[in-house]
Amino acid sequence: MVMVFREIYLKGVVPSMIRRGNKLYELKIPRNNKCNEVIFRDSYNLCPVALGKLIGAFGLQVTEKQFFPHLANIPENYGRTLQQLPLKY
């Protein structure tokens, strides 16, 4: 977000900001004759819970992420057809 602000500022546009300390939550670029109003929001800073707890925090009904054998993703296995996924390591 800071890098976005820098580029906008270097173009001569001064956006309105919502920030607390060093954290920048929102940049708002006002509407002008060249473009509409643009709002940048940093949702990572706005969310008060850890990523792993989002499902419980919002009461979402989701299925558990399935296992993917990332360690089996090596050049020797490229192009191979497996009967089943490798076991969990």
Protein backbone atom coordinates (compact mmCIF):
# COMPACT_ATOMS: atom_id res chain seq x y z
CA MET A 1 0.00 0.00 0.00
CA VAL A 2 2.89 2.35 0.76
CA MET A 3 4.35 1.72 -2.69
CA VAL A 4 0.97 2.51 -4.27
CA PHE A 5 0.81 5.74 -2.27
CA ARG A 6 4.30 6.70 -3.39
CA GLU A 7 3.46 6.25 -7.08
CA ILE A 8 0.22 8.19 -6.74
CA TYR A 9 1.98 10.99 -4.87
CA LEU A 10 4.77 11.19 -7.47
CA LYS A 11 2.07 11.72 -10.14
CA GLY A 12 0.98 14.85 -8.27
CA VAL A 13 -2.16 13.40 -6.70
CA VAL A 14 -2.63 13.72 -2.94
CA PRO A 15 -5.11 11.06 -1.78
CA SER A 16 -7.04 11.18 1.46
CA MET A 17 -5.82 8.54 3.89
CA ILE A 18 -7.08 6.56 6.82
CA ARG A 19 -4.15 5.46 8.95
CA ARG A 20 -3.13 4.74 12.50
CA GLY A 21 0.54 5.08 13.33
CA ASN A 22 2.52 3.43 10.55
CA LYS A 23 -0.43 1.35 9.33
CA LEU A 24 -2.20 2.60 6.23
CA TYR A 25 -5.77 1.29 5.97
CA GLU A 26 -7.23 3.23 3.05
CA LEU A 27 -6.23 5.58 0.23
CA LYS A 28 -8.98 7.49 -1.54
CA ILE A 29 -8.23 9.29 -4.80
CA PRO A 30 -10.93 11.86 -5.56
CA ARG A 31 -12.85 11.89 -8.83
CA ASN A 32 -11.56 14.25 -11.49
CA ASN A 33 -12.12 14.86 -15.19
CA LYS A 34 -9.73 12.02 -16.13
CA CYS A 35 -10.96 9.20 -13.88
CA ASN A 36 -13.56 8.19 -11.32
CA GLU A 37 -12.94 7.96 -7.59
CA VAL A 38 -10.56 5.13 -6.72
CA ILE A 39 -10.32 3.56 -3.26
CA PHE A 40 -7.50 1.26 -2.13
CA ARG A 41 -8.18 -0.70 1.07
CA ASP A 42 -5.70 -2.93 2.85
CA SER A 43 -7.96 -5.77 3.94
CA TYR A 44 -5.08 -7.51 5.70
CA ASN A 45 -4.83 -4.63 8.18
CA LEU A 46 -8.62 -4.28 8.47
CA CYS A 47 -9.22 -7.90 9.47
CA PRO A 48 -8.78 -8.30 13.25
CA VAL A 49 -8.25 -12.09 13.31
CA ALA A 50 -5.56 -14.47 12.13
CA LEU A 51 -6.03 -16.09 8.74
CA GLY A 52 -6.48 -19.54 10.26
CA LYS A 53 -9.39 -18.30 12.41
CA LEU A 54 -11.37 -16.56 9.65
CA ILE A 55 -13.73 -19.50 9.11
CA GLY A 56 -14.80 -19.55 12.75
CA ALA A 57 -14.91 -15.77 13.07
CA PHE A 58 -17.40 -15.41 10.24
CA GLY A 59 -19.28 -18.68 10.82
CA LEU A 60 -18.51 -19.98 7.34
CA GLN A 61 -19.54 -23.45 6.23
CA VAL A 62 -16.57 -24.68 4.20
CA THR A 63 -14.98 -28.04 3.61
CA GLU A 64 -11.47 -28.71 4.82
CA LYS A 65 -8.71 -28.13 2.27
CA GLN A 66 -7.75 -31.38 0.60
CA PHE A 67 -4.25 -32.84 0.79
CA PHE A 68 -1.91 -32.08 -2.11
CA PRO A 69 1.45 -33.90 -2.27
CA HIS A 70 3.69 -30.87 -2.82
CA LEU A 71 6.84 -32.86 -1.98
CA ALA A 72 6.05 -35.27 -4.84
CA ASN A 73 6.06 -32.37 -7.31
CA ILE A 74 9.59 -33.02 -8.60
CA PRO A 75 10.98 -33.34 -12.15
CA GLU A 76 11.21 -37.15 -11.89
CA ASN A 77 7.42 -37.31 -11.47
CA TYR A 78 6.53 -34.93 -14.33
CA GLY A 79 4.42 -36.67 -16.95
CA ARG A 80 3.72 -39.71 -14.74
CA THR A 81 0.18 -40.94 -14.26
CA LEU A 82 -0.41 -42.20 -10.73
CA GLN A 83 -3.08 -44.69 -9.69
CA GLN A 84 -3.56 -42.73 -6.47
CA LEU A 85 -2.02 -39.79 -4.66
CA PRO A 86 1.18 -40.46 -2.71
CA LEU A 87 0.83 -40.90 1.04
CA LYS A 88 1.19 -37.89 3.32
CA TYR A 89 4.78 -37.33 4.34
